[in-house]
Every structure is written in structure tokens, then in C-alpha cells.
């Protein structure tokens, strides 16, 4: 079951500059501020900055549907014709994530048990 797209992860090359920009534009301080991830919460939406995203093949922001079971959601998407771009992996804090790609190259992530 999906709970909607609640998290958007943005690959960034300069984390300090991106943090300043997003802090200014979003009007909030980050709730998570680590060398590997900076996260902002605006209402029930999370905007995350990933300085390693480009190294992991991210070319643009990825929207993540919050789901009850990332592996089951990945399996259902693949059965429906999506291609696995990232298999289920531990993303820390008890979260599991996977990414799929449709036939047009658009990506969608599934995120389980992450800050809900």
C-alpha cells in the first residue's frame, strides 16, 4: 500500500551551498544535517539533499512513495513492466528503499518505514 509521494531526494554536488539555498527557499532549518544527507521537513513533505546521489547514478530528483513493503512494491512494479533501477537497500534509520524506471526513463522510488 502506498501512502503517497512524501519524500524527494535531490542529488547535489556542493552540499553546503545546496543546504543554504534550500534553507532559504523552504524557510526552515534542516532536521537532519550530516555529511552524507541533509533533510528538511515542510508539513508532511521531506526534501533531502544527497551529496552522493550523482555517484549512485542519480541525474535528477527522485520522488519516493512511502510504502508498507518496499520489496513487495518493487515486485508489483516490475510485474507491471517497470525496470529495477535500484534494488531494495537499507538507507539507514530502519528505512528500505528501491527505485524503478518506466519505459520512458522516468523514475519512482519506494520508501519503507522512514520517518512516517
PDB file of N, CA and C in Angstrom:
ATOM      1  N   UNK A   1       0.848  -1.183   0.000  1.00  0.00           N
ATOM      2  CA  UNK A   1       0.000   0.000   0.000  1.00  0.00           C
ATOM      3  C   UNK A   1       0.886   1.235   0.000  1.00  0.00           C
ATOM      4  N   UNK A   2       0.549   2.196  -0.827  1.00  0.00           N
ATOM      5  CA  UNK A   2       1.307   3.443  -0.874  1.00  0.00           C
ATOM      6  C   UNK A   2       0.623   4.518  -0.036  1.00  0.00           C
ATOM      7  N   UNK A   3       1.428   5.348   0.543  1.00  0.00           N
ATOM      8  CA  UNK A   3       0.941   6.467   1.337  1.00  0.00           C
ATOM      9  C   UNK A   3       1.221   7.783   0.613  1.00  0.00           C
ATOM     10  N   UNK A   4       1.514   7.689  -0.677  1.00  0.00           N
ATOM     11  CA  UNK A   4       1.775   8.873  -1.492  1.00  0.00           C
ATOM     12  C   UNK A   4       3.238   9.245  -1.536  1.00  0.00           C
ATOM     13  N   UNK A   5       3.557  10.156  -2.453  1.00  0.00           N
ATOM     14  CA  UNK A   5       4.921  10.659  -2.578  1.00  0.00           C
ATOM     15  C   UNK A   5       5.128  11.689  -1.478  1.00  0.00           C
ATOM     16  N   UNK A   6       5.963  11.349  -0.501  1.00  0.00           N
ATOM     17  CA  UNK A   6       6.201  12.230   0.634  1.00  0.00           C
ATOM     18  C   UNK A   6       7.654  12.651   0.763  1.00  0.00           C
ATOM     19  N   UNK A   7       8.534  12.024  -0.012  1.00  0.00           N
ATOM     20  CA  UNK A   7       9.960  12.334   0.087  1.00  0.00           C
ATOM     21  C   UNK A   7      10.526  12.567  -1.303  1.00  0.00           C
ATOM     22  N   UNK A   8      11.303  13.624  -1.439  1.00  0.00           N
ATOM     23  CA  UNK A   8      12.011  13.904  -2.679  1.00  0.00           C
ATOM     24  C   UNK A   8      13.486  14.046  -2.325  1.00  0.00           C
ATOM     25  N   UNK A   9      14.316  13.215  -2.967  1.00  0.00           N
ATOM     26  CA  UNK A   9      15.751  13.266  -2.732  1.00  0.00           C
ATOM     27  C   UNK A   9      16.405  13.947  -3.936  1.00  0.00           C
ATOM     28  N   UNK A  10      17.235  14.936  -3.650  1.00  0.00           N
ATOM     29  CA  UNK A  10      17.884  15.739  -4.671  1.00  0.00           C
ATOM     30  C   UNK A  10      19.391  15.474  -4.641  1.00  0.00           C
ATOM     31  N   UNK A  11      19.972  15.037  -5.763  1.00  0.00           N
ATOM     32  CA  UNK A  11      21.427  14.868  -5.778  1.00  0.00           C
ATOM     33  C   UNK A  11      22.090  16.243  -5.875  1.00  0.00           C
ATOM     34  N   UNK A  12      23.099  16.472  -5.045  1.00  0.00           N
ATOM     35  CA  UNK A  12      23.800  17.758  -5.047  1.00  0.00           C
ATOM     36  C   UNK A  12      25.311  17.522  -5.054  1.00  0.00           C
ATOM     37  N   UNK A  13      26.015  18.422  -5.669  1.00  0.00           N
ATOM     38  CA  UNK A  13      27.484  18.313  -5.704  1.00  0.00           C
ATOM     39  C   UNK A  13      28.143  19.120  -4.580  1.00  0.00           C
ATOM     40  N   UNK A  14      27.561  20.248  -4.220  1.00  0.00           N
ATOM     41  CA  UNK A  14      28.091  21.104  -3.164  1.00  0.00           C
ATOM     42  C   UNK A  14      27.046  21.151  -2.051  1.00  0.00           C
ATOM     43  N   UNK A  15      27.211  20.301  -1.053  1.00  0.00           N
ATOM     44  CA  UNK A  15      26.207  20.157  -0.001  1.00  0.00           C
ATOM     45  C   UNK A  15      26.023  21.454   0.781  1.00  0.00           C
ATOM     46  N   UNK A  16      27.102  22.139   1.109  1.00  0.00           N
ATOM     47  CA  UNK A  16      26.991  23.373   1.892  1.00  0.00           C
ATOM     48  C   UNK A  16      26.197  24.438   1.134  1.00  0.00           C
ATOM     49  N   UNK A  17      26.495  24.610  -0.134  1.00  0.00           N
ATOM     50  CA  UNK A  17      25.773  25.607  -0.936  1.00  0.00           C
ATOM     51  C   UNK A  17      24.304  25.218  -1.097  1.00  0.00           C
ATOM     52  N   UNK A  18      24.060  23.932  -1.345  1.00  0.00           N
ATOM     53  CA  UNK A  18      22.676  23.465  -1.510  1.00  0.00           C
ATOM     54  C   UNK A  18      21.895  23.635  -0.209  1.00  0.00           C
ATOM     55  N   UNK A  19      22.534  23.330   0.914  1.00  0.00           N
ATOM     56  CA  UNK A  19      21.864  23.475   2.213  1.00  0.00           C
ATOM     57  C   UNK A  19      21.441  24.927   2.430  1.00  0.00           C
ATOM     58  N   UNK A  20      22.316  25.867   2.121  1.00  0.00           N
ATOM     59  CA  UNK A  20      21.983  27.286   2.265  1.00  0.00           C
ATOM     60  C   UNK A  20      20.828  27.670   1.353  1.00  0.00           C
ATOM     61  N   UNK A  21      20.889  27.231   0.101  1.00  0.00           N
ATOM     62  CA  UNK A  21      19.833  27.544  -0.858  1.00  0.00           C
ATOM     63  C   UNK A  21      18.487  26.977  -0.408  1.00  0.00           C
ATOM     64  N   UNK A  22      18.445  25.692  -0.064  1.00  0.00           N
ATOM     65  CA  UNK A  22      17.180  25.075   0.318  1.00  0.00           C
ATOM     66  C   UNK A  22      16.663  25.628   1.642  1.00  0.00           C
ATOM     67  N   UNK A  23      17.544  25.937   2.578  1.00  0.00           N
ATOM     68  CA  UNK A  23      17.124  26.537   3.848  1.00  0.00           C
ATOM     69  C   UNK A  23      16.422  27.868   3.564  1.00  0.00           C
ATOM     70  N   UNK A  24      16.982  28.660   2.672  1.00  0.00           N
ATOM     71  CA  UNK A  24      16.408  29.967   2.330  1.00  0.00           C
ATOM     72  C   UNK A  24      15.076  29.815   1.608  1.00  0.00           C
ATOM     73  N   UNK A  25      15.048  28.951   0.593  1.00  0.00           N
ATOM     74  CA  UNK A  25      13.835  28.798  -0.217  1.00  0.00           C
ATOM     75  C   UNK A  25      12.699  28.142   0.576  1.00  0.00           C
ATOM     76  N   UNK A  26      13.020  27.120   1.372  1.00  0.00           N
ATOM     77  CA  UNK A  26      11.979  26.412   2.127  1.00  0.00           C
ATOM     78  C   UNK A  26      11.584  27.139   3.403  1.00  0.00           C
ATOM     79  N   UNK A  27      12.467  28.004   3.906  1.00  0.00           N
ATOM     80  CA  UNK A  27      12.156  28.778   5.106  1.00  0.00           C
ATOM     81  C   UNK A  27      12.205  27.978   6.387  1.00  0.00           C
ATOM     82  N   UNK A  28      12.917  26.859   6.385  1.00  0.00           N
ATOM     83  CA  UNK A  28      13.050  26.032   7.597  1.00  0.00           C
ATOM     84  C   UNK A  28      14.497  25.570   7.735  1.00  0.00           C
ATOM     85  N   UNK A  29      14.866  25.249   8.967  1.00  0.00           N
ATOM     86  CA  UNK A  29      16.177  24.668   9.238  1.00  0.00           C
ATOM     87  C   UNK A  29      16.116  23.167   8.975  1.00  0.00           C
ATOM     88  N   UNK A  30      17.219  22.554   8.596  1.00  0.00           N
ATOM     89  CA  UNK A  30      17.212  21.107   8.383  1.00  0.00           C
ATOM     90  C   UNK A  30      16.997  20.362   9.705  1.00  0.00           C
ATOM     91  N   UNK A  31      16.246  19.278   9.662  1.00  0.00           N
ATOM     92  CA  UNK A  31      16.063  18.428  10.840  1.00  0.00           C
ATOM     93  C   UNK A  31      17.212  17.424  10.925  1.00  0.00           C
ATOM     94  N   UNK A  32      17.834  17.115   9.775  1.00  0.00           N
ATOM     95  CA  UNK A  32      18.994  16.222   9.717  1.00  0.00           C
ATOM     96  C   UNK A  32      20.089  16.969   8.979  1.00  0.00           C
ATOM     97  N   UNK A  33      21.269  17.012   9.559  1.00  0.00           N
ATOM     98  CA  UNK A  33      22.375  17.753   8.948  1.00  0.00           C
ATOM     99  C   UNK A  33      23.656  16.952   9.135  1.00  0.00           C
ATOM    100  N   UNK A  34      23.875  16.030   8.206  1.00  0.00           N
ATOM    101  CA  UNK A  34      25.030  15.138   8.252  1.00  0.00           C
ATOM    102  C   UNK A  34      25.836  15.300   6.967  1.00  0.00           C
ATOM    103  N   UNK A  35      27.097  14.888   6.959  1.00  0.00           N
ATOM    104  CA  UNK A  35      27.905  14.998   5.742  1.00  0.00           C
ATOM    105  C   UNK A  35      27.360  14.164   4.575  1.00  0.00           C
ATOM    106  N   UNK A  36      26.548  13.154   4.877  1.00  0.00           N
ATOM    107  CA  UNK A  36      26.009  12.264   3.850  1.00  0.00           C
ATOM    108  C   UNK A  36      24.550  12.556   3.508  1.00  0.00           C
ATOM    109  N   UNK A  37      23.876  13.478   4.251  1.00  0.00           N
ATOM    110  CA  UNK A  37      22.461  13.755   3.990  1.00  0.00           C
ATOM    111  C   UNK A  37      22.021  14.975   4.790  1.00  0.00           C
ATOM    112  N   UNK A  38      21.300  15.864   4.136  1.00  0.00           N
ATOM    113  CA  UNK A  38      20.657  16.975   4.817  1.00  0.00           C
ATOM    114  C   UNK A  38      19.171  16.892   4.487  1.00  0.00           C
ATOM    115  N   UNK A  39      18.341  16.856   5.519  1.00  0.00           N
ATOM    116  CA  UNK A  39      16.901  16.709   5.310  1.00  0.00           C
ATOM    117  C   UNK A  39      16.105  17.862   5.875  1.00  0.00           C
ATOM    118  N   UNK A  40      15.127  18.304   5.109  1.00  0.00           N
ATOM    119  CA  UNK A  40      14.212  19.366   5.521  1.00  0.00           C
ATOM    120  C   UNK A  40      12.802  18.796   5.561  1.00  0.00           C
ATOM    121  N   UNK A  41      12.004  19.216   6.519  1.00  0.00           N
ATOM    122  CA  UNK A  41      10.591  18.841   6.562  1.00  0.00           C
ATOM    123  C   UNK A  41       9.742  20.098   6.443  1.00  0.00           C
ATOM    124  N   UNK A  42       8.801  20.024   5.508  1.00  0.00           N
ATOM    125  CA  UNK A  42       7.838  21.097   5.311  1.00  0.00           C
ATOM    126  C   UNK A  42       6.475  20.419   5.309  1.00  0.00           C
ATOM    127  N   UNK A  43       5.740  20.568   6.398  1.00  0.00           N
ATOM    128  CA  UNK A  43       4.485  19.827   6.548  1.00  0.00           C
ATOM    129  C   UNK A  43       4.802  18.339   6.607  1.00  0.00           C
ATOM    130  N   UNK A  44       4.125  17.540   5.782  1.00  0.00           N
ATOM    131  CA  UNK A  44       4.418  16.102   5.770  1.00  0.00           C
ATOM    132  C   UNK A  44       5.334  15.721   4.604  1.00  0.00           C
ATOM    133  N   UNK A  45       5.969  16.722   4.009  1.00  0.00           N
ATOM    134  CA  UNK A  45       6.887  16.512   2.887  1.00  0.00           C
ATOM    135  C   UNK A  45       8.328  16.585   3.377  1.00  0.00           C
ATOM    136  N   UNK A  46       9.174  15.683   2.865  1.00  0.00           N
ATOM    137  CA  UNK A  46      10.600  15.741   3.155  1.00  0.00           C
ATOM    138  C   UNK A  46      11.367  16.029   1.872  1.00  0.00           C
ATOM    139  N   UNK A  47      12.271  16.991   1.963  1.00  0.00           N
ATOM    140  CA  UNK A  47      13.192  17.297   0.874  1.00  0.00           C
ATOM    141  C   UNK A  47      14.576  16.934   1.393  1.00  0.00           C
ATOM    142  N   UNK A  48      15.228  15.983   0.742  1.00  0.00           N
ATOM    143  CA  UNK A  48      16.537  15.540   1.182  1.00  0.00           C
ATOM    144  C   UNK A  48      17.605  15.867   0.159  1.00  0.00           C
ATOM    145  N   UNK A  49      18.769  16.271   0.642  1.00  0.00           N
ATOM    146  CA  UNK A  49      19.913  16.581  -0.217  1.00  0.00           C
ATOM    147  C   UNK A  49      20.934  15.460  -0.059  1.00  0.00           C
ATOM    148  N   UNK A  50      21.299  14.836  -1.174  1.00  0.00           N
ATOM    149  CA  UNK A  50      22.219  13.700  -1.159  1.00  0.00           C
ATOM    150  C   UNK A  50      23.494  14.046  -1.922  1.00  0.00           C
ATOM    151  N   UNK A  51      24.610  14.273  -1.204  1.00  0.00           N
ATOM    152  CA  UNK A  51      25.851  14.615  -1.887  1.00  0.00           C
ATOM    153  C   UNK A  51      26.487  13.430  -2.618  1.00  0.00           C
ATOM    154  N   UNK A  52      25.962  12.234  -2.395  1.00  0.00           N
ATOM    155  CA  UNK A  52      26.470  11.044  -3.079  1.00  0.00           C
ATOM    156  C   UNK A  52      25.546  10.580  -4.199  1.00  0.00           C
ATOM    157  N   UNK A  53      24.465  11.291  -4.412  1.00  0.00           N
ATOM    158  CA  UNK A  53      23.476  10.884  -5.404  1.00  0.00           C
ATOM    159  C   UNK A  53      24.030  10.738  -6.811  1.00  0.00           C
ATOM    160  N   UNK A  54      24.830  11.693  -7.239  1.00  0.00           N
ATOM    161  CA  UNK A  54      25.401  11.615  -8.588  1.00  0.00           C
ATOM    162  C   UNK A  54      26.290  10.386  -8.730  1.00  0.00           C
ATOM    163  N   UNK A  55      27.019  10.046  -7.680  1.00  0.00           N
ATOM    164  CA  UNK A  55      27.884   8.862  -7.713  1.00  0.00           C
ATOM    165  C   UNK A  55      27.092   7.563  -7.784  1.00  0.00           C
ATOM    166  N   UNK A  56      25.814   7.622  -7.393  1.00  0.00           N
ATOM    167  CA  UNK A  56      24.948   6.444  -7.434  1.00  0.00           C
ATOM    168  C   UNK A  56      24.005   6.472  -8.633  1.00  0.00           C
ATOM    169  N   UNK A  57      24.305   7.304  -9.611  1.00  0.00           N
ATOM    170  CA  UNK A  57      23.526   7.313 -10.844  1.00  0.00           C
ATOM    171  C   UNK A  57      22.341   8.241 -10.873  1.00  0.00           C
ATOM    172  N   UNK A  58      22.131   9.038  -9.829  1.00  0.00           N
ATOM    173  CA  UNK A  58      21.013   9.987  -9.840  1.00  0.00           C
ATOM    174  C   UNK A  58      21.352  11.137 -10.782  1.00  0.00           C
ATOM    175  N   UNK A  59      20.450  11.436 -11.690  1.00  0.00           N
ATOM    176  CA  UNK A  59      20.649  12.555 -12.610  1.00  0.00           C
ATOM    177  C   UNK A  59      19.638  13.668 -12.371  1.00  0.00           C
ATOM    178  N   UNK A  60      18.684  13.421 -11.504  1.00  0.00           N
ATOM    179  CA  UNK A  60      17.631  14.383 -11.190  1.00  0.00           C
ATOM    180  C   UNK A  60      16.999  13.976  -9.858  1.00  0.00           C
ATOM    181  N   UNK A  61      16.159  14.834  -9.285  1.00  0.00           N
ATOM    182  CA  UNK A  61      15.473  14.453  -8.055  1.00  0.00           C
ATOM    183  C   UNK A  61      14.616  13.193  -8.266  1.00  0.00           C
ATOM    184  N   UNK A  62      14.472  12.419  -7.190  1.00  0.00           N
ATOM    185  CA  UNK A  62      13.633  11.218  -7.219  1.00  0.00           C
ATOM    186  C   UNK A  62      12.546  11.367  -6.159  1.00  0.00           C
ATOM    187  N   UNK A  63      11.292  11.206  -6.588  1.00  0.00           N
ATOM    188  CA  UNK A  63      10.170  11.204  -5.663  1.00  0.00           C
ATOM    189  C   UNK A  63       9.962   9.798  -5.133  1.00  0.00           C
ATOM    190  N   UNK A  64       9.763   9.678  -3.836  1.00  0.00           N
ATOM    191  CA  UNK A  64       9.578   8.376  -3.190  1.00  0.00           C
ATOM    192  C   UNK A  64       8.175   8.254  -2.618  1.00  0.00           C
ATOM    193  N   UNK A  65       7.455   7.208  -3.032  1.00  0.00           N
ATOM    194  CA  UNK A  65       6.194   6.844  -2.394  1.00  0.00           C
ATOM    195  C   UNK A  65       6.521   6.130  -1.098  1.00  0.00           C
ATOM    196  N   UNK A  66       5.890   6.533  -0.015  1.00  0.00           N
ATOM    197  CA  UNK A  66       6.053   5.814   1.236  1.00  0.00           C
ATOM    198  C   UNK A  66       5.143   4.587   1.169  1.00  0.00           C
ATOM    199  N   UNK A  67       5.726   3.423   1.410  1.00  0.00           N
ATOM    200  CA  UNK A  67       5.007   2.165   1.268  1.00  0.00           C
ATOM    201  C   UNK A  67       5.177   1.310   2.515  1.00  0.00           C
ATOM    202  N   UNK A  68       4.279   0.339   2.670  1.00  0.00           N
ATOM    203  CA  UNK A  68       4.372  -0.588   3.791  1.00  0.00           C
ATOM    204  C   UNK A  68       5.450  -1.634   3.570  1.00  0.00           C
ATOM    205  N   UNK A  69       5.711  -1.991   2.305  1.00  0.00           N
ATOM    206  CA  UNK A  69       6.656  -3.065   1.988  1.00  0.00           C
ATOM    207  C   UNK A  69       7.384  -2.723   0.679  1.00  0.00           C
ATOM    208  N   UNK A  70       8.630  -2.278   0.801  1.00  0.00           N
ATOM    209  CA  UNK A  70       9.393  -1.862  -0.381  1.00  0.00           C
ATOM    210  C   UNK A  70       9.618  -3.016  -1.350  1.00  0.00           C
ATOM    211  N   UNK A  71       9.908  -4.202  -0.824  1.00  0.00           N
ATOM    212  CA  UNK A  71      10.160  -5.356  -1.698  1.00  0.00           C
ATOM    213  C   UNK A  71       8.901  -5.739  -2.472  1.00  0.00           C
ATOM    214  N   UNK A  72       7.754  -5.738  -1.819  1.00  0.00           N
ATOM    215  CA  UNK A  72       6.500  -6.083  -2.493  1.00  0.00           C
ATOM    216  C   UNK A  72       6.147  -5.016  -3.533  1.00  0.00           C
ATOM    217  N   UNK A  73       6.365  -3.749  -3.210  1.00  0.00           N
ATOM    218  CA  UNK A  73       6.074  -2.674  -4.157  1.00  0.00           C
ATOM    219  C   UNK A  73       6.981  -2.771  -5.372  1.00  0.00           C
ATOM    220  N   UNK A  74       8.257  -3.089  -5.148  1.00  0.00           N
ATOM    221  CA  UNK A  74       9.189  -3.267  -6.257  1.00  0.00           C
ATOM    222  C   UNK A  74       8.738  -4.425  -7.138  1.00  0.00           C
ATOM    223  N   UNK A  75       8.362  -5.522  -6.533  1.00  0.00           N
ATOM    224  CA  UNK A  75       7.911  -6.697  -7.285  1.00  0.00           C
ATOM    225  C   UNK A  75       6.672  -6.375  -8.126  1.00  0.00           C
ATOM    226  N   UNK A  76       5.718  -5.667  -7.532  1.00  0.00           N
ATOM    227  CA  UNK A  76       4.498  -5.294  -8.261  1.00  0.00           C
ATOM    228  C   UNK A  76       4.820  -4.383  -9.444  1.00  0.00           C
ATOM    229  N   UNK A  77       5.736  -3.442  -9.234  1.00  0.00           N
ATOM    230  CA  UNK A  77       6.101  -2.525 -10.315  1.00  0.00           C
ATOM    231  C   UNK A  77       6.782  -3.273 -11.458  1.00  0.00           C
ATOM    232  N   UNK A  78       7.688  -4.180 -11.128  1.00  0.00           N
ATOM    233  CA  UNK A  78       8.386  -4.965 -12.149  1.00  0.00           C
ATOM    234  C   UNK A  78       7.386  -5.834 -12.912  1.00  0.00           C
ATOM    235  N   UNK A  79       6.453  -6.436 -12.190  1.00  0.00           N
ATOM    236  CA  UNK A  79       5.418  -7.246 -12.845  1.00  0.00           C
ATOM    237  C   UNK A  79       4.568  -6.408 -13.793  1.00  0.00           C
ATOM    238  N   UNK A  80       4.439  -5.113 -13.497  1.00  0.00           N
ATOM    239  CA  UNK A  80       3.640  -4.212 -14.338  1.00  0.00           C
ATOM    240  C   UNK A  80       4.441  -3.622 -15.497  1.00  0.00           C
ATOM    241  N   UNK A  81       5.735  -3.967 -15.598  1.00  0.00           N
ATOM    242  CA  UNK A  81       6.533  -3.506 -16.724  1.00  0.00           C
ATOM    243  C   UNK A  81       7.612  -2.491 -16.401  1.00  0.00           C
ATOM    244  N   UNK A  82       7.752  -2.097 -15.142  1.00  0.00           N
ATOM    245  CA  UNK A  82       8.812  -1.174 -14.757  1.00  0.00           C
ATOM    246  C   UNK A  82      10.132  -1.953 -14.679  1.00  0.00           C
ATOM    247  N   UNK A  83      11.244  -1.248 -14.848  1.00  0.00           N
ATOM    248  CA  UNK A  83      12.570  -1.847 -14.742  1.00  0.00           C
ATOM    249  C   UNK A  83      13.175  -1.462 -13.393  1.00  0.00           C
ATOM    250  N   UNK A  84      13.842  -2.405 -12.744  1.00  0.00           N
ATOM    251  CA  UNK A  84      14.512  -2.101 -11.481  1.00  0.00           C
ATOM    252  C   UNK A  84      15.734  -1.240 -11.749  1.00  0.00           C
ATOM    253  N   UNK A  85      15.761  -0.095 -11.153  1.00  0.00           N
ATOM    254  CA  UNK A  85      16.932   0.785 -11.274  1.00  0.00           C
ATOM    255  C   UNK A  85      17.820   0.643 -10.043  1.00  0.00           C
ATOM    256  N   UNK A  86      17.201   0.426  -8.877  1.00  0.00           N
ATOM    257  CA  UNK A  86      17.930   0.163  -7.635  1.00  0.00           C
ATOM    258  C   UNK A  86      17.130  -0.847  -6.848  1.00  0.00           C
ATOM    259  N   UNK A  87      17.730  -1.978  -6.570  1.00  0.00           N
ATOM    260  CA  UNK A  87      17.063  -2.991  -5.765  1.00  0.00           C
ATOM    261  C   UNK A  87      16.872  -2.457  -4.347  1.00  0.00           C
ATOM    262  N   UNK A  88      16.086  -3.137  -3.550  1.00  0.00           N
ATOM    263  CA  UNK A  88      15.831  -2.725  -2.173  1.00  0.00           C
ATOM    264  C   UNK A  88      17.158  -2.668  -1.416  1.00  0.00           C
ATOM    265  N   UNK A  89      17.391  -1.532  -0.755  1.00  0.00           N
ATOM    266  CA  UNK A  89      18.596  -1.397   0.057  1.00  0.00           C
ATOM    267  C   UNK A  89      18.276  -0.658   1.339  1.00  0.00           C
ATOM    268  N   UNK A  90      19.091  -0.903   2.347  1.00  0.00           N
ATOM    269  CA  UNK A  90      18.971  -0.235   3.639  1.00  0.00           C
ATOM    270  C   UNK A  90      19.492   1.189   3.485  1.00  0.00           C
ATOM    271  N   UNK A  91      18.670   2.175   3.843  1.00  0.00           N
ATOM    272  CA  UNK A  91      19.089   3.569   3.740  1.00  0.00           C
ATOM    273  C   UNK A  91      19.282   4.204   5.117  1.00  0.00           C
ATOM    274  N   UNK A  92      19.362   3.364   6.141  1.00  0.00           N
ATOM    275  CA  UNK A  92      19.597   3.845   7.495  1.00  0.00           C
ATOM    276  C   UNK A  92      18.320   4.213   8.223  1.00  0.00           C
ATOM    277  N   UNK A  93      18.409   4.251   9.518  1.00  0.00           N
ATOM    278  CA  UNK A  93      17.266   4.632  10.339  1.00  0.00           C
ATOM    279  C   UNK A  93      16.077   3.707  10.207  1.00  0.00           C
ATOM    280  N   UNK A  94      16.325   2.455   9.820  1.00  0.00           N
ATOM    281  CA  UNK A  94      15.248   1.493   9.643  1.00  0.00           C
ATOM    282  C   UNK A  94      14.539   1.593   8.307  1.00  0.00           C
ATOM    283  N   UNK A  95      15.030   2.435   7.408  1.00  0.00           N
ATOM    284  CA  UNK A  95      14.388   2.611   6.114  1.00  0.00           C
ATOM    285  C   UNK A  95      14.939   1.685   5.051  1.00  0.00           C
ATOM    286  N   UNK A  96      14.060   1.244   4.167  1.00  0.00           N
ATOM    287  CA  UNK A  96      14.430   0.467   2.991  1.00  0.00           C
ATOM    288  C   UNK A  96      13.927   1.224   1.769  1.00  0.00           C
ATOM    289  N   UNK A  97      14.745   1.242   0.709  1.00  0.00           N
ATOM    290  CA  UNK A  97      14.363   1.988  -0.481  1.00  0.00           C
ATOM    291  C   UNK A  97      14.678   1.202  -1.740  1.00  0.00           C
ATOM    292  N   UNK A  98      13.875   1.423  -2.767  1.00  0.00           N
ATOM    293  CA  UNK A  98      14.095   0.846  -4.091  1.00  0.00           C
ATOM    294  C   UNK A  98      13.674   1.898  -5.111  1.00  0.00           C
ATOM    295  N   UNK A  99      14.228   1.783  -6.328  1.00  0.00           N
ATOM    296  CA  UNK A  99      13.866   2.718  -7.399  1.00  0.00           C
ATOM    297  C   UNK A  99      13.554   1.921  -8.652  1.00  0.00           C
ATOM    298  N   UNK A 100      12.477   2.328  -9.332  1.00  0.00           N
ATOM    299  CA  UNK A 100      12.096   1.716 -10.600  1.00  0.00           C
ATOM    300  C   UNK A 100      12.092   2.788 -11.687  1.00  0.00           C
ATOM    301  N   UNK A 101      12.130   2.317 -12.943  1.00  0.00           N
ATOM    302  CA  UNK A 101      12.134   3.205 -14.100  1.00  0.00           C
ATOM    303  C   UNK A 101      11.090   2.717 -15.085  1.00  0.00           C
ATOM    304  N   UNK A 102      10.284   3.650 -15.614  1.00  0.00           N
ATOM    305  CA  UNK A 102       9.274   3.247 -16.592  1.00  0.00           C
ATOM    306  C   UNK A 102       9.888   3.197 -17.989  1.00  0.00           C
ATOM    307  N   UNK A 103       9.084   2.875 -18.978  1.00  0.00           N
ATOM    308  CA  UNK A 103       9.594   2.703 -20.345  1.00  0.00           C
ATOM    309  C   UNK A 103      10.071   4.014 -20.974  1.00  0.00           C
ATOM    310  N   UNK A 104       9.712   5.155 -20.365  1.00  0.00           N
ATOM    311  CA  UNK A 104      10.163   6.449 -20.863  1.00  0.00           C
ATOM    312  C   UNK A 104      11.380   6.981 -20.099  1.00  0.00           C
ATOM    313  N   UNK A 105      11.889   6.188 -19.162  1.00  0.00           N
ATOM    314  CA  UNK A 105      13.060   6.599 -18.390  1.00  0.00           C
ATOM    315  C   UNK A 105      12.751   7.398 -17.140  1.00  0.00           C
ATOM    316  N   UNK A 106      11.472   7.564 -16.805  1.00  0.00           N
ATOM    317  CA  UNK A 106      11.083   8.272 -15.584  1.00  0.00           C
ATOM    318  C   UNK A 106      11.284   7.355 -14.385  1.00  0.00           C
ATOM    319  N   UNK A 107      11.706   7.921 -13.265  1.00  0.00           N
ATOM    320  CA  UNK A 107      11.978   7.103 -12.087  1.00  0.00           C
ATOM    321  C   UNK A 107      10.990   7.399 -10.969  1.00  0.00           C
ATOM    322  N   UNK A 108      10.788   6.393 -10.135  1.00  0.00           N
ATOM    323  CA  UNK A 108       9.939   6.489  -8.957  1.00  0.00           C
ATOM    324  C   UNK A 108      10.563   5.625  -7.887  1.00  0.00           C
ATOM    325  N   UNK A 109      10.615   6.138  -6.680  1.00  0.00           N
ATOM    326  CA  UNK A 109      11.167   5.384  -5.571  1.00  0.00           C
ATOM    327  C   UNK A 109      10.094   4.869  -4.639  1.00  0.00           C
ATOM    328  N   UNK A 110      10.445   3.823  -3.906  1.00  0.00           N
ATOM    329  CA  UNK A 110       9.596   3.280  -2.842  1.00  0.00           C
ATOM    330  C   UNK A 110      10.403   3.360  -1.560  1.00  0.00           C
ATOM    331  N   UNK A 111       9.807   3.898  -0.505  1.00  0.00           N
ATOM    332  CA  UNK A 111      10.483   4.075   0.773  1.00  0.00           C
ATOM    333  C   UNK A 111       9.628   3.479   1.872  1.00  0.00           C
ATOM    334  N   UNK A 112      10.215   2.546   2.624  1.00  0.00           N
ATOM    335  CA  UNK A 112       9.505   1.830   3.692  1.00  0.00           C
ATOM    336  C   UNK A 112      10.042   2.247   5.045  1.00  0.00           C
ATOM    337  N   UNK A 113       9.118   2.490   6.002  1.00  0.00           N
ATOM    338  CA  UNK A 113       9.480   2.772   7.398  1.00  0.00           C
ATOM    339  C   UNK A 113      10.514   3.871   7.543  1.00  0.00           C
ATOM    340  N   UNK A 114      10.234   5.027   6.971  1.00  0.00           N
ATOM    341  CA  UNK A 114      11.190   6.128   7.058  1.00  0.00           C
ATOM    342  C   UNK A 114      10.486   7.374   7.543  1.00  0.00           C
ATOM    343  N   UNK A 115      10.626   7.661   8.802  1.00  0.00           N
ATOM    344  CA  UNK A 115      10.160   8.930   9.378  1.00  0.00           C
ATOM    345  C   UNK A 115       8.671   9.201   9.143  1.00  0.00           C
ATOM    346  N   UNK A 116       7.849   8.185   9.158  1.00  0.00           N
ATOM    347  CA  UNK A 116       6.406   8.433   8.990  1.00  0.00           C
ATOM    348  C   UNK A 116       5.779   8.788  10.316  1.00  0.00           C
TER     349      UNK A 116
END
